[in-house]
Amino acid sequence: MLKGLIICFAVLFAQLAILHVIDIRLYNAPQDARQTAVTKITPLKDDEEDVQS
């Protein structure tokens, strides 16, 4: 059982180290690379408003 816990913690710390490296790379990346795509939604024109105007 102790061997299983040691292996479990070793895998956990390895995952944390990998995530830490990935986080550092993303943090040091240019600002544009981290931004998500933003779509601007424009409301559709209402045909009834065009007819009345």
C-alpha atoms as a PDB file:
ATOM      1  CA  MET A   1       0.000   0.000   0.000  1.00  0.00           C
ATOM      2  CA  LEU A   2       2.834   2.393   0.784  1.00  0.00           C
ATOM      3  CA  LYS A   3       4.380   1.707  -2.619  1.00  0.00           C
ATOM      4  CA  GLY A   4       1.062   2.602  -4.297  1.00  0.00           C
ATOM      5  CA  LEU A   5       0.868   5.901  -2.391  1.00  0.00           C
ATOM      6  CA  ILE A   6       4.422   6.792  -3.359  1.00  0.00           C
ATOM      7  CA  ILE A   7       3.672   6.086  -7.027  1.00  0.00           C
ATOM      8  CA  CYS A   8       0.436   8.095  -6.795  1.00  0.00           C
ATOM      9  CA  PHE A   9       2.217  11.125  -5.327  1.00  0.00           C
ATOM     10  CA  ALA A  10       5.059  10.815  -7.843  1.00  0.00           C
ATOM     11  CA  VAL A  11       2.564  10.895 -10.721  1.00  0.00           C
ATOM     12  CA  LEU A  12       0.719  13.807  -9.104  1.00  0.00           C
ATOM     13  CA  PHE A  13       3.874  15.896  -8.751  1.00  0.00           C
ATOM     14  CA  ALA A  14       4.923  15.040 -12.313  1.00  0.00           C
ATOM     15  CA  GLN A  15       1.559  16.294 -13.598  1.00  0.00           C
ATOM     16  CA  LEU A  16       1.829  19.462 -11.533  1.00  0.00           C
ATOM     17  CA  ALA A  17       5.325  20.100 -12.889  1.00  0.00           C
ATOM     18  CA  ILE A  18       4.142  19.665 -16.484  1.00  0.00           C
ATOM     19  CA  LEU A  19       1.188  21.995 -15.920  1.00  0.00           C
ATOM     20  CA  HIS A  20       3.511  24.539 -14.319  1.00  0.00           C
ATOM     21  CA  VAL A  21       5.777  24.510 -17.388  1.00  0.00           C
ATOM     22  CA  ILE A  22       2.789  24.896 -19.712  1.00  0.00           C
ATOM     23  CA  ASP A  23       1.474  27.773 -17.599  1.00  0.00           C
ATOM     24  CA  ILE A  24       4.821  29.570 -17.720  1.00  0.00           C
ATOM     25  CA  ARG A  25       4.986  29.186 -21.506  1.00  0.00           C
ATOM     26  CA  LEU A  26       1.483  30.582 -21.921  1.00  0.00           C
ATOM     27  CA  TYR A  27       2.201  33.447 -19.519  1.00  0.00           C
ATOM     28  CA  ASN A  28       5.363  34.437 -21.400  1.00  0.00           C
ATOM     29  CA  ALA A  29       3.674  34.137 -24.808  1.00  0.00           C
ATOM     30  CA  PRO A  30       2.685  37.302 -26.662  1.00  0.00           C
ATOM     31  CA  GLN A  31      -0.596  38.795 -25.526  1.00  0.00           C
ATOM     32  CA  ASP A  32      -2.334  38.119 -28.856  1.00  0.00           C
ATOM     33  CA  ALA A  33      -1.691  34.380 -28.629  1.00  0.00           C
ATOM     34  CA  ARG A  34      -3.664  34.037 -25.394  1.00  0.00           C
ATOM     35  CA  GLN A  35      -6.753  35.966 -26.421  1.00  0.00           C
ATOM     36  CA  THR A  36      -9.774  33.999 -27.438  1.00  0.00           C
ATOM     37  CA  ALA A  37     -11.727  34.816 -30.537  1.00  0.00           C
ATOM     38  CA  VAL A  38     -14.326  37.476 -29.857  1.00  0.00           C
ATOM     39  CA  THR A  39     -17.255  37.741 -32.189  1.00  0.00           C
ATOM     40  CA  LYS A  40     -19.245  40.928 -32.330  1.00  0.00           C
ATOM     41  CA  ILE A  41     -22.930  40.239 -32.744  1.00  0.00           C
ATOM     42  CA  THR A  42     -24.829  42.977 -34.488  1.00  0.00           C
ATOM     43  CA  PRO A  43     -28.590  42.996 -34.186  1.00  0.00           C
ATOM     44  CA  LEU A  44     -30.461  42.260 -37.368  1.00  0.00           C
ATOM     45  CA  LYS A  45     -32.504  45.037 -38.897  1.00  0.00           C
ATOM     46  CA  ASP A  46     -36.189  44.653 -38.505  1.00  0.00           C
ATOM     47  CA  ASP A  47     -37.904  44.831 -41.894  1.00  0.00           C
ATOM     48  CA  GLU A  48     -40.994  46.435 -40.378  1.00  0.00           C
ATOM     49  CA  GLU A  49     -38.971  49.399 -39.112  1.00  0.00           C
ATOM     50  CA  ASP A  50     -37.570  49.988 -42.611  1.00  0.00           C
ATOM     51  CA  VAL A  51     -41.053  50.017 -44.134  1.00  0.00           C
ATOM     52  CA  GLN A  52     -42.393  52.547 -41.613  1.00  0.00           C
ATOM     53  CA  SER A  53     -39.488  54.971 -41.982  1.00  0.00           C
END
